[in-house]
ModelCIF file with pLDDT and N, C-alpha, C, O atoms, coordinates in Angstrom:
data_MODEL
#
_entry.id   MODEL 
#
_entity.id                         1 
_entity.type                       polymer 
_entity.pdbx_number_of_molecules   1 
#
_entity_poly.entity_id                      1 
_entity_poly.type                           'polypeptide(L)' 
_entity_poly.nstd_linkage                   no 
_entity_poly.nstd_monomer                   no 
_entity_poly.pdbx_seq_one_letter_code       LKEPALAVLAREAYRVLGLQSYFTAGEKEVRAWTIPIAATAPQAAGV 
_entity_poly.pdbx_seq_one_letter_code_can   LKEPALAVLAREAYRVLGLQSYFTAGEKEVRAWTIPIAATAPQAAGV 
_entity_poly.pdbx_strand_id                 A 
#
loop_
_entity_poly_seq.entity_id 
_entity_poly_seq.num 
_entity_poly_seq.mon_id 
_entity_poly_seq.hetero 
1 1  LEU n 
1 2  LYS n 
1 3  GLU n 
1 4  PRO n 
1 5  ALA n 
1 6  LEU n 
1 7  ALA n 
1 8  VAL n 
1 9  LEU n 
1 10 ALA n 
1 11 ARG n 
1 12 GLU n 
1 13 ALA n 
1 14 TYR n 
1 15 ARG n 
1 16 VAL n 
1 17 LEU n 
1 18 GLY n 
1 19 LEU n 
1 20 GLN n 
1 21 SER n 
1 22 TYR n 
1 23 PHE n 
1 24 THR n 
1 25 ALA n 
1 26 GLY n 
1 27 GLU n 
1 28 LYS n 
1 29 GLU n 
1 30 VAL n 
1 31 ARG n 
1 32 ALA n 
1 33 TRP n 
1 34 THR n 
1 35 ILE n 
1 36 PRO n 
1 37 ILE n 
1 38 ALA n 
1 39 ALA n 
1 40 THR n 
1 41 ALA n 
1 42 PRO n 
1 43 GLN n 
1 44 ALA n 
1 45 ALA n 
1 46 GLY n 
1 47 VAL n 
#
_struct_asym.id          A 
_struct_asym.entity_id   1 
#
loop_
_ma_qa_metric.id 
_ma_qa_metric.mode 
_ma_qa_metric.name 
_ma_qa_metric.software_group_id 
_ma_qa_metric.type 
1 global pLDDT . pLDDT 
2 local  pLDDT . pLDDT 
#
_ma_qa_metric_global.metric_id      1 
_ma_qa_metric_global.metric_value   94.02 
_ma_qa_metric_global.model_id       1 
_ma_qa_metric_global.ordinal_id     1 
#
loop_
_ma_qa_metric_local.label_asym_id 
_ma_qa_metric_local.label_comp_id 
_ma_qa_metric_local.label_seq_id 
_ma_qa_metric_local.metric_id 
_ma_qa_metric_local.metric_value 
_ma_qa_metric_local.model_id 
_ma_qa_metric_local.ordinal_id 
A LEU 1  2 89.00 1 1  
A LYS 2  2 89.00 1 2  
A GLU 3  2 89.00 1 3  
A PRO 4  2 89.00 1 4  
A ALA 5  2 88.00 1 5  
A LEU 6  2 83.00 1 6  
A ALA 7  2 87.00 1 7  
A VAL 8  2 90.00 1 8  
A LEU 9  2 90.00 1 9  
A ALA 10 2 87.00 1 10 
A ARG 11 2 89.00 1 11 
A GLU 12 2 91.00 1 12 
A ALA 13 2 90.00 1 13 
A TYR 14 2 91.00 1 14 
A ARG 15 2 90.00 1 15 
A VAL 16 2 91.00 1 16 
A LEU 17 2 92.00 1 17 
A GLY 18 2 92.00 1 18 
A LEU 19 2 95.00 1 19 
A GLN 20 2 96.00 1 20 
A SER 21 2 96.00 1 21 
A TYR 22 2 98.00 1 22 
A PHE 23 2 98.00 1 23 
A THR 24 2 98.00 1 24 
A ALA 25 2 98.00 1 25 
A GLY 26 2 96.00 1 26 
A GLU 27 2 95.00 1 27 
A LYS 28 2 96.00 1 28 
A GLU 29 2 97.00 1 29 
A VAL 30 2 97.00 1 30 
A ARG 31 2 97.00 1 31 
A ALA 32 2 97.00 1 32 
A TRP 33 2 97.00 1 33 
A THR 34 2 95.00 1 34 
A ILE 35 2 97.00 1 35 
A PRO 36 2 96.00 1 36 
A ILE 37 2 96.00 1 37 
A ALA 38 2 96.00 1 38 
A ALA 39 2 98.00 1 39 
A THR 40 2 98.00 1 40 
A ALA 41 2 98.00 1 41 
A PRO 42 2 98.00 1 42 
A GLN 43 2 98.00 1 43 
A ALA 44 2 98.00 1 44 
A ALA 45 2 98.00 1 45 
A GLY 46 2 98.00 1 46 
A VAL 47 2 97.00 1 47 
#
loop_
_atom_site.group_PDB 
_atom_site.id 
_atom_site.type_symbol 
_atom_site.label_atom_id 
_atom_site.label_alt_id 
_atom_site.label_comp_id 
_atom_site.label_asym_id 
_atom_site.label_entity_id 
_atom_site.label_seq_id 
_atom_site.pdbx_PDB_ins_code 
_atom_site.Cartn_x 
_atom_site.Cartn_y 
_atom_site.Cartn_z 
_atom_site.occupancy 
_atom_site.B_iso_or_equiv 
_atom_site.pdbx_formal_charge 
_atom_site.auth_seq_id 
_atom_site.auth_comp_id 
_atom_site.auth_asym_id 
_atom_site.auth_atom_id 
_atom_site.pdbx_PDB_model_num 
ATOM 1   N N  . LEU A 1 1  ? -2.331  83.771  21.212 1.00 89.00 ? 1  LEU A N  1 
ATOM 2   C CA . LEU A 1 1  ? -2.870  84.669  20.285 1.00 89.00 ? 1  LEU A CA 1 
ATOM 3   C C  . LEU A 1 1  ? -4.288  84.250  19.449 1.00 89.00 ? 1  LEU A C  1 
ATOM 4   O O  . LEU A 1 1  ? -4.432  83.168  18.879 1.00 89.00 ? 1  LEU A O  1 
ATOM 5   N N  . LYS A 1 2  ? -5.152  85.166  19.486 1.00 89.00 ? 2  LYS A N  1 
ATOM 6   C CA . LYS A 1 2  ? -6.658  84.883  18.491 1.00 89.00 ? 2  LYS A CA 1 
ATOM 7   C C  . LYS A 1 2  ? -6.458  85.330  17.133 1.00 89.00 ? 2  LYS A C  1 
ATOM 8   O O  . LYS A 1 2  ? -7.202  84.707  16.376 1.00 89.00 ? 2  LYS A O  1 
ATOM 9   N N  . GLU A 1 3  ? -5.754  86.152  16.558 1.00 89.00 ? 3  GLU A N  1 
ATOM 10  C CA . GLU A 1 3  ? -5.664  86.893  15.485 1.00 89.00 ? 3  GLU A CA 1 
ATOM 11  C C  . GLU A 1 3  ? -4.057  87.393  15.050 1.00 89.00 ? 3  GLU A C  1 
ATOM 12  O O  . GLU A 1 3  ? -3.440  87.602  16.094 1.00 89.00 ? 3  GLU A O  1 
ATOM 13  N N  . PRO A 1 4  ? -3.550  87.542  14.337 1.00 89.00 ? 4  PRO A N  1 
ATOM 14  C CA . PRO A 1 4  ? -2.251  87.992  14.244 1.00 89.00 ? 4  PRO A CA 1 
ATOM 15  C C  . PRO A 1 4  ? -2.452  89.473  14.514 1.00 89.00 ? 4  PRO A C  1 
ATOM 16  O O  . PRO A 1 4  ? -3.428  90.079  14.072 1.00 89.00 ? 4  PRO A O  1 
ATOM 17  N N  . ALA A 1 5  ? -1.419  90.093  15.317 1.00 88.00 ? 5  ALA A N  1 
ATOM 18  C CA . ALA A 1 5  ? -1.739  91.597  16.024 1.00 88.00 ? 5  ALA A CA 1 
ATOM 19  C C  . ALA A 1 5  ? -1.494  92.416  14.770 1.00 88.00 ? 5  ALA A C  1 
ATOM 20  O O  . ALA A 1 5  ? -1.872  93.588  14.763 1.00 88.00 ? 5  ALA A O  1 
ATOM 21  N N  . LEU A 1 6  ? -0.821  91.833  13.583 1.00 83.00 ? 6  LEU A N  1 
ATOM 22  C CA . LEU A 1 6  ? -1.157  92.686  12.361 1.00 83.00 ? 6  LEU A CA 1 
ATOM 23  C C  . LEU A 1 6  ? -2.286  93.004  11.781 1.00 83.00 ? 6  LEU A C  1 
ATOM 24  O O  . LEU A 1 6  ? -2.285  93.965  11.011 1.00 83.00 ? 6  LEU A O  1 
ATOM 25  N N  . ALA A 1 7  ? -3.793  92.090  12.082 1.00 87.00 ? 7  ALA A N  1 
ATOM 26  C CA . ALA A 1 7  ? -4.703  92.174  11.450 1.00 87.00 ? 7  ALA A CA 1 
ATOM 27  C C  . ALA A 1 7  ? -5.676  93.550  12.093 1.00 87.00 ? 7  ALA A C  1 
ATOM 28  O O  . ALA A 1 7  ? -6.506  94.348  11.656 1.00 87.00 ? 7  ALA A O  1 
ATOM 29  N N  . VAL A 1 8  ? -4.969  93.238  13.432 1.00 90.00 ? 8  VAL A N  1 
ATOM 30  C CA . VAL A 1 8  ? -5.588  94.468  14.732 1.00 90.00 ? 8  VAL A CA 1 
ATOM 31  C C  . VAL A 1 8  ? -4.919  96.070  14.046 1.00 90.00 ? 8  VAL A C  1 
ATOM 32  O O  . VAL A 1 8  ? -5.653  97.057  14.012 1.00 90.00 ? 8  VAL A O  1 
ATOM 33  N N  . LEU A 1 9  ? -3.825  96.114  13.661 1.00 90.00 ? 9  LEU A N  1 
ATOM 34  C CA . LEU A 1 9  ? -3.007  97.277  13.287 1.00 90.00 ? 9  LEU A CA 1 
ATOM 35  C C  . LEU A 1 9  ? -3.871  97.391  11.643 1.00 90.00 ? 9  LEU A C  1 
ATOM 36  O O  . LEU A 1 9  ? -4.491  98.391  11.282 1.00 90.00 ? 9  LEU A O  1 
ATOM 37  N N  . ALA A 1 10 ? -3.752  96.422  11.020 1.00 87.00 ? 10 ALA A N  1 
ATOM 38  C CA . ALA A 1 10 ? -4.150  96.833  9.816  1.00 87.00 ? 10 ALA A CA 1 
ATOM 39  C C  . ALA A 1 10 ? -5.752  97.698  10.102 1.00 87.00 ? 10 ALA A C  1 
ATOM 40  O O  . ALA A 1 10 ? -6.018  98.800  9.622  1.00 87.00 ? 10 ALA A O  1 
ATOM 41  N N  . ARG A 1 11 ? -6.688  96.870  11.004 1.00 89.00 ? 11 ARG A N  1 
ATOM 42  C CA . ARG A 1 11 ? -7.998  97.909  11.139 1.00 89.00 ? 11 ARG A CA 1 
ATOM 43  C C  . ARG A 1 11 ? -7.855  99.008  11.963 1.00 89.00 ? 11 ARG A C  1 
ATOM 44  O O  . ARG A 1 11 ? -8.656  99.942  12.019 1.00 89.00 ? 11 ARG A O  1 
ATOM 45  N N  . GLU A 1 12 ? -6.767  98.892  12.644 1.00 91.00 ? 12 GLU A N  1 
ATOM 46  C CA . GLU A 1 12 ? -7.175  100.555 13.355 1.00 91.00 ? 12 GLU A CA 1 
ATOM 47  C C  . GLU A 1 12 ? -6.374  101.754 12.553 1.00 91.00 ? 12 GLU A C  1 
ATOM 48  O O  . GLU A 1 12 ? -6.486  102.980 12.530 1.00 91.00 ? 12 GLU A O  1 
ATOM 49  N N  . ALA A 1 13 ? -5.507  100.792 11.902 1.00 90.00 ? 13 ALA A N  1 
ATOM 50  C CA . ALA A 1 13 ? -4.589  101.859 10.512 1.00 90.00 ? 13 ALA A CA 1 
ATOM 51  C C  . ALA A 1 13 ? -5.393  102.934 9.507  1.00 90.00 ? 13 ALA A C  1 
ATOM 52  O O  . ALA A 1 13 ? -5.109  104.065 9.112  1.00 90.00 ? 13 ALA A O  1 
ATOM 53  N N  . TYR A 1 14 ? -7.064  101.620 9.177  1.00 91.00 ? 14 TYR A N  1 
ATOM 54  C CA . TYR A 1 14 ? -7.818  102.070 8.235  1.00 91.00 ? 14 TYR A CA 1 
ATOM 55  C C  . TYR A 1 14 ? -9.067  102.799 9.185  1.00 91.00 ? 14 TYR A C  1 
ATOM 56  O O  . TYR A 1 14 ? -10.103 103.173 8.635  1.00 91.00 ? 14 TYR A O  1 
ATOM 57  N N  . ARG A 1 15 ? -8.861  102.953 10.614 1.00 90.00 ? 15 ARG A N  1 
ATOM 58  C CA . ARG A 1 15 ? -9.922  103.838 11.156 1.00 90.00 ? 15 ARG A CA 1 
ATOM 59  C C  . ARG A 1 15 ? -9.003  105.121 11.357 1.00 90.00 ? 15 ARG A C  1 
ATOM 60  O O  . ARG A 1 15 ? -9.397  106.084 10.698 1.00 90.00 ? 15 ARG A O  1 
ATOM 61  N N  . VAL A 1 16 ? -7.966  105.326 12.056 1.00 91.00 ? 16 VAL A N  1 
ATOM 62  C CA . VAL A 1 16 ? -7.415  106.151 11.988 1.00 91.00 ? 16 VAL A CA 1 
ATOM 63  C C  . VAL A 1 16 ? -7.503  106.961 10.697 1.00 91.00 ? 16 VAL A C  1 
ATOM 64  O O  . VAL A 1 16 ? -7.843  108.134 10.851 1.00 91.00 ? 16 VAL A O  1 
ATOM 65  N N  . LEU A 1 17 ? -7.261  106.555 9.471  1.00 92.00 ? 17 LEU A N  1 
ATOM 66  C CA . LEU A 1 17 ? -7.531  107.411 8.160  1.00 92.00 ? 17 LEU A CA 1 
ATOM 67  C C  . LEU A 1 17 ? -9.035  107.967 8.143  1.00 92.00 ? 17 LEU A C  1 
ATOM 68  O O  . LEU A 1 17 ? -9.281  108.918 7.401  1.00 92.00 ? 17 LEU A O  1 
ATOM 69  N N  . GLY A 1 18 ? -9.933  107.476 8.842  1.00 92.00 ? 18 GLY A N  1 
ATOM 70  C CA . GLY A 1 18 ? -11.359 108.110 8.899  1.00 92.00 ? 18 GLY A CA 1 
ATOM 71  C C  . GLY A 1 18 ? -11.866 107.092 7.803  1.00 92.00 ? 18 GLY A C  1 
ATOM 72  O O  . GLY A 1 18 ? -12.887 107.532 7.275  1.00 92.00 ? 18 GLY A O  1 
ATOM 73  N N  . LEU A 1 19 ? -11.502 105.955 7.330  1.00 95.00 ? 19 LEU A N  1 
ATOM 74  C CA . LEU A 1 19 ? -12.259 105.594 6.358  1.00 95.00 ? 19 LEU A CA 1 
ATOM 75  C C  . LEU A 1 19 ? -12.994 104.117 7.141  1.00 95.00 ? 19 LEU A C  1 
ATOM 76  O O  . LEU A 1 19 ? -12.637 103.736 8.255  1.00 95.00 ? 19 LEU A O  1 
ATOM 77  N N  . GLN A 1 20 ? -13.902 103.521 6.434  1.00 96.00 ? 20 GLN A N  1 
ATOM 78  C CA . GLN A 1 20 ? -15.062 102.385 6.578  1.00 96.00 ? 20 GLN A CA 1 
ATOM 79  C C  . GLN A 1 20 ? -15.493 102.009 4.992  1.00 96.00 ? 20 GLN A C  1 
ATOM 80  O O  . GLN A 1 20 ? -15.462 102.724 3.991  1.00 96.00 ? 20 GLN A O  1 
ATOM 81  N N  . SER A 1 21 ? -15.902 100.621 5.155  1.00 96.00 ? 21 SER A N  1 
ATOM 82  C CA . SER A 1 21 ? -16.565 100.057 4.307  1.00 96.00 ? 21 SER A CA 1 
ATOM 83  C C  . SER A 1 21 ? -18.004 99.730  4.286  1.00 96.00 ? 21 SER A C  1 
ATOM 84  O O  . SER A 1 21 ? -18.773 99.767  5.247  1.00 96.00 ? 21 SER A O  1 
ATOM 85  N N  . TYR A 1 22 ? -18.321 99.339  2.825  1.00 98.00 ? 22 TYR A N  1 
ATOM 86  C CA . TYR A 1 22 ? -19.381 98.983  2.551  1.00 98.00 ? 22 TYR A CA 1 
ATOM 87  C C  . TYR A 1 22 ? -19.390 97.776  1.706  1.00 98.00 ? 22 TYR A C  1 
ATOM 88  O O  . TYR A 1 22 ? -18.304 97.265  1.433  1.00 98.00 ? 22 TYR A O  1 
ATOM 89  N N  . PHE A 1 23 ? -20.312 97.335  1.327  1.00 98.00 ? 23 PHE A N  1 
ATOM 90  C CA . PHE A 1 23 ? -20.389 95.752  1.074  1.00 98.00 ? 23 PHE A CA 1 
ATOM 91  C C  . PHE A 1 23 ? -21.119 95.572  -0.193 1.00 98.00 ? 23 PHE A C  1 
ATOM 92  O O  . PHE A 1 23 ? -22.287 95.959  -0.173 1.00 98.00 ? 23 PHE A O  1 
ATOM 93  N N  . THR A 1 24 ? -20.765 95.167  -1.072 1.00 98.00 ? 24 THR A N  1 
ATOM 94  C CA . THR A 1 24 ? -21.722 94.614  -2.592 1.00 98.00 ? 24 THR A CA 1 
ATOM 95  C C  . THR A 1 24 ? -21.377 92.877  -2.609 1.00 98.00 ? 24 THR A C  1 
ATOM 96  O O  . THR A 1 24 ? -20.322 92.286  -2.381 1.00 98.00 ? 24 THR A O  1 
ATOM 97  N N  . ALA A 1 25 ? -22.865 92.316  -3.014 1.00 98.00 ? 25 ALA A N  1 
ATOM 98  C CA . ALA A 1 25 ? -22.749 90.964  -2.796 1.00 98.00 ? 25 ALA A CA 1 
ATOM 99  C C  . ALA A 1 25 ? -23.569 90.203  -3.565 1.00 98.00 ? 25 ALA A C  1 
ATOM 100 O O  . ALA A 1 25 ? -24.603 90.855  -3.713 1.00 98.00 ? 25 ALA A O  1 
ATOM 101 N N  . GLY A 1 26 ? -23.636 89.305  -4.054 1.00 96.00 ? 26 GLY A N  1 
ATOM 102 C CA . GLY A 1 26 ? -23.919 88.385  -5.091 1.00 96.00 ? 26 GLY A CA 1 
ATOM 103 C C  . GLY A 1 26 ? -22.777 87.136  -5.493 1.00 96.00 ? 26 GLY A C  1 
ATOM 104 O O  . GLY A 1 26 ? -21.703 86.879  -4.949 1.00 96.00 ? 26 GLY A O  1 
ATOM 105 N N  . GLU A 1 27 ? -23.496 86.434  -6.735 1.00 95.00 ? 27 GLU A N  1 
ATOM 106 C CA . GLU A 1 27 ? -22.905 85.301  -7.005 1.00 95.00 ? 27 GLU A CA 1 
ATOM 107 C C  . GLU A 1 27 ? -21.444 85.406  -7.569 1.00 95.00 ? 27 GLU A C  1 
ATOM 108 O O  . GLU A 1 27 ? -20.611 84.517  -7.397 1.00 95.00 ? 27 GLU A O  1 
ATOM 109 N N  . LYS A 1 28 ? -21.193 86.622  -8.291 1.00 96.00 ? 28 LYS A N  1 
ATOM 110 C CA . LYS A 1 28 ? -19.729 86.530  -8.536 1.00 96.00 ? 28 LYS A CA 1 
ATOM 111 C C  . LYS A 1 28 ? -18.997 86.873  -7.624 1.00 96.00 ? 28 LYS A C  1 
ATOM 112 O O  . LYS A 1 28 ? -17.918 86.294  -7.750 1.00 96.00 ? 28 LYS A O  1 
ATOM 113 N N  . GLU A 1 29 ? -19.029 87.824  -6.355 1.00 97.00 ? 29 GLU A N  1 
ATOM 114 C CA . GLU A 1 29 ? -18.205 88.127  -5.648 1.00 97.00 ? 29 GLU A CA 1 
ATOM 115 C C  . GLU A 1 29 ? -18.794 88.706  -4.280 1.00 97.00 ? 29 GLU A C  1 
ATOM 116 O O  . GLU A 1 29 ? -19.754 89.465  -4.150 1.00 97.00 ? 29 GLU A O  1 
ATOM 117 N N  . VAL A 1 30 ? -18.194 88.304  -3.559 1.00 97.00 ? 30 VAL A N  1 
ATOM 118 C CA . VAL A 1 30 ? -18.766 89.620  -2.276 1.00 97.00 ? 30 VAL A CA 1 
ATOM 119 C C  . VAL A 1 30 ? -17.437 90.774  -1.939 1.00 97.00 ? 30 VAL A C  1 
ATOM 120 O O  . VAL A 1 30 ? -16.353 90.405  -1.487 1.00 97.00 ? 30 VAL A O  1 
ATOM 121 N N  . ARG A 1 31 ? -17.621 91.543  -2.110 1.00 97.00 ? 31 ARG A N  1 
ATOM 122 C CA . ARG A 1 31 ? -16.381 92.756  -2.272 1.00 97.00 ? 31 ARG A CA 1 
ATOM 123 C C  . ARG A 1 31 ? -16.968 94.215  -0.798 1.00 97.00 ? 31 ARG A C  1 
ATOM 124 O O  . ARG A 1 31 ? -18.003 94.735  -0.382 1.00 97.00 ? 31 ARG A O  1 
ATOM 125 N N  . ALA A 1 32 ? -15.814 94.251  -0.606 1.00 97.00 ? 32 ALA A N  1 
ATOM 126 C CA . ALA A 1 32 ? -16.032 95.148  0.508  1.00 97.00 ? 32 ALA A CA 1 
ATOM 127 C C  . ALA A 1 32 ? -15.152 96.561  0.158  1.00 97.00 ? 32 ALA A C  1 
ATOM 128 O O  . ALA A 1 32 ? -13.927 96.606  0.050  1.00 97.00 ? 32 ALA A O  1 
ATOM 129 N N  . TRP A 1 33 ? -15.932 97.508  0.035  1.00 97.00 ? 33 TRP A N  1 
ATOM 130 C CA . TRP A 1 33 ? -15.563 99.032  -0.834 1.00 97.00 ? 33 TRP A CA 1 
ATOM 131 C C  . TRP A 1 33 ? -14.915 99.756  -0.291 1.00 97.00 ? 33 TRP A C  1 
ATOM 132 O O  . TRP A 1 33 ? -15.556 99.783  0.760  1.00 97.00 ? 33 TRP A O  1 
ATOM 133 N N  . THR A 1 34 ? -13.868 100.612 -0.082 1.00 95.00 ? 34 THR A N  1 
ATOM 134 C CA . THR A 1 34 ? -13.635 101.716 0.699  1.00 95.00 ? 34 THR A CA 1 
ATOM 135 C C  . THR A 1 34 ? -13.976 102.994 0.525  1.00 95.00 ? 34 THR A C  1 
ATOM 136 O O  . THR A 1 34 ? -13.494 103.546 -0.464 1.00 95.00 ? 34 THR A O  1 
ATOM 137 N N  . ILE A 1 35 ? -14.822 103.737 1.365  1.00 97.00 ? 35 ILE A N  1 
ATOM 138 C CA . ILE A 1 35 ? -15.402 104.971 1.749  1.00 97.00 ? 35 ILE A CA 1 
ATOM 139 C C  . ILE A 1 35 ? -14.615 105.841 2.642  1.00 97.00 ? 35 ILE A C  1 
ATOM 140 O O  . ILE A 1 35 ? -13.833 105.358 3.461  1.00 97.00 ? 35 ILE A O  1 
ATOM 141 N N  . PRO A 1 36 ? -14.799 107.117 2.507  1.00 96.00 ? 36 PRO A N  1 
ATOM 142 C CA . PRO A 1 36 ? -14.605 107.880 3.846  1.00 96.00 ? 36 PRO A CA 1 
ATOM 143 C C  . PRO A 1 36 ? -15.899 108.109 4.618  1.00 96.00 ? 36 PRO A C  1 
ATOM 144 O O  . PRO A 1 36 ? -17.024 108.237 4.135  1.00 96.00 ? 36 PRO A O  1 
ATOM 145 N N  . ILE A 1 37 ? -15.436 108.146 6.290  1.00 96.00 ? 37 ILE A N  1 
ATOM 146 C CA . ILE A 1 37 ? -16.830 107.903 7.017  1.00 96.00 ? 37 ILE A CA 1 
ATOM 147 C C  . ILE A 1 37 ? -17.356 109.357 6.633  1.00 96.00 ? 37 ILE A C  1 
ATOM 148 O O  . ILE A 1 37 ? -16.629 110.293 6.299  1.00 96.00 ? 37 ILE A O  1 
ATOM 149 N N  . ALA A 1 38 ? -18.971 109.390 6.756  1.00 96.00 ? 38 ALA A N  1 
ATOM 150 C CA . ALA A 1 38 ? -19.848 110.803 6.385  1.00 96.00 ? 38 ALA A CA 1 
ATOM 151 C C  . ALA A 1 38 ? -20.127 110.456 5.141  1.00 96.00 ? 38 ALA A C  1 
ATOM 152 O O  . ALA A 1 38 ? -21.315 110.702 4.936  1.00 96.00 ? 38 ALA A O  1 
ATOM 153 N N  . ALA A 1 39 ? -19.331 109.758 3.703  1.00 98.00 ? 39 ALA A N  1 
ATOM 154 C CA . ALA A 1 39 ? -19.556 109.472 2.531  1.00 98.00 ? 39 ALA A CA 1 
ATOM 155 C C  . ALA A 1 39 ? -21.384 109.309 1.944  1.00 98.00 ? 39 ALA A C  1 
ATOM 156 O O  . ALA A 1 39 ? -22.141 108.385 2.239  1.00 98.00 ? 39 ALA A O  1 
ATOM 157 N N  . THR A 1 40 ? -21.613 110.169 1.316  1.00 98.00 ? 40 THR A N  1 
ATOM 158 C CA . THR A 1 40 ? -22.988 109.943 0.665  1.00 98.00 ? 40 THR A CA 1 
ATOM 159 C C  . THR A 1 40 ? -23.014 108.653 -0.402 1.00 98.00 ? 40 THR A C  1 
ATOM 160 O O  . THR A 1 40 ? -22.102 108.075 -0.992 1.00 98.00 ? 40 THR A O  1 
ATOM 161 N N  . ALA A 1 41 ? -24.331 108.476 -0.389 1.00 98.00 ? 41 ALA A N  1 
ATOM 162 C CA . ALA A 1 41 ? -24.566 107.040 -1.044 1.00 98.00 ? 41 ALA A CA 1 
ATOM 163 C C  . ALA A 1 41 ? -24.216 107.203 -2.702 1.00 98.00 ? 41 ALA A C  1 
ATOM 164 O O  . ALA A 1 41 ? -23.475 106.359 -3.205 1.00 98.00 ? 41 ALA A O  1 
ATOM 165 N N  . PRO A 1 42 ? -24.688 108.152 -3.425 1.00 98.00 ? 42 PRO A N  1 
ATOM 166 C CA . PRO A 1 42 ? -23.637 108.841 -4.535 1.00 98.00 ? 42 PRO A CA 1 
ATOM 167 C C  . PRO A 1 42 ? -21.844 108.435 -4.764 1.00 98.00 ? 42 PRO A C  1 
ATOM 168 O O  . PRO A 1 42 ? -21.171 107.818 -5.590 1.00 98.00 ? 42 PRO A O  1 
ATOM 169 N N  . GLN A 1 43 ? -21.574 109.314 -3.300 1.00 98.00 ? 43 GLN A N  1 
ATOM 170 C CA . GLN A 1 43 ? -20.019 109.307 -3.475 1.00 98.00 ? 43 GLN A CA 1 
ATOM 171 C C  . GLN A 1 43 ? -19.493 107.696 -3.830 1.00 98.00 ? 43 GLN A C  1 
ATOM 172 O O  . GLN A 1 43 ? -18.752 107.248 -4.705 1.00 98.00 ? 43 GLN A O  1 
ATOM 173 N N  . ALA A 1 44 ? -20.401 106.950 -2.494 1.00 98.00 ? 44 ALA A N  1 
ATOM 174 C CA . ALA A 1 44 ? -19.647 105.571 -2.582 1.00 98.00 ? 44 ALA A CA 1 
ATOM 175 C C  . ALA A 1 44 ? -19.993 104.478 -3.968 1.00 98.00 ? 44 ALA A C  1 
ATOM 176 O O  . ALA A 1 44 ? -19.193 103.626 -4.357 1.00 98.00 ? 44 ALA A O  1 
ATOM 177 N N  . ALA A 1 45 ? -21.259 104.711 -4.538 1.00 98.00 ? 45 ALA A N  1 
ATOM 178 C CA . ALA A 1 45 ? -21.138 104.489 -5.818 1.00 98.00 ? 45 ALA A CA 1 
ATOM 179 C C  . ALA A 1 45 ? -20.015 105.227 -6.583 1.00 98.00 ? 45 ALA A C  1 
ATOM 180 O O  . ALA A 1 45 ? -19.877 104.374 -7.460 1.00 98.00 ? 45 ALA A O  1 
ATOM 181 N N  . GLY A 1 46 ? -19.535 105.731 -6.752 1.00 98.00 ? 46 GLY A N  1 
ATOM 182 C CA . GLY A 1 46 ? -18.815 106.442 -7.175 1.00 98.00 ? 46 GLY A CA 1 
ATOM 183 C C  . GLY A 1 46 ? -16.837 105.665 -6.923 1.00 98.00 ? 46 GLY A C  1 
ATOM 184 O O  . GLY A 1 46 ? -15.769 105.847 -7.507 1.00 98.00 ? 46 GLY A O  1 
ATOM 185 N N  . VAL A 1 47 ? -17.133 105.116 -6.167 1.00 97.00 ? 47 VAL A N  1 
ATOM 186 C CA . VAL A 1 47 ? -16.327 104.055 -5.681 1.00 97.00 ? 47 VAL A CA 1 
ATOM 187 C C  . VAL A 1 47 ? -15.780 102.936 -6.603 1.00 97.00 ? 47 VAL A C  1 
ATOM 188 O O  . VAL A 1 47 ? -15.084 102.035 -6.134 1.00 97.00 ? 47 VAL A O  1 
#
């Protein structure tokens, strides 16, 4: 196995829920944020 099958499952579950990620990046942290597919920029900021 290249990676645990659970990694594939987690990503696929995320997709099935209609979710996607965007990122913020700085010296403090690089972070992934969850938003629905087709979310607008203000909605993403609100997360």
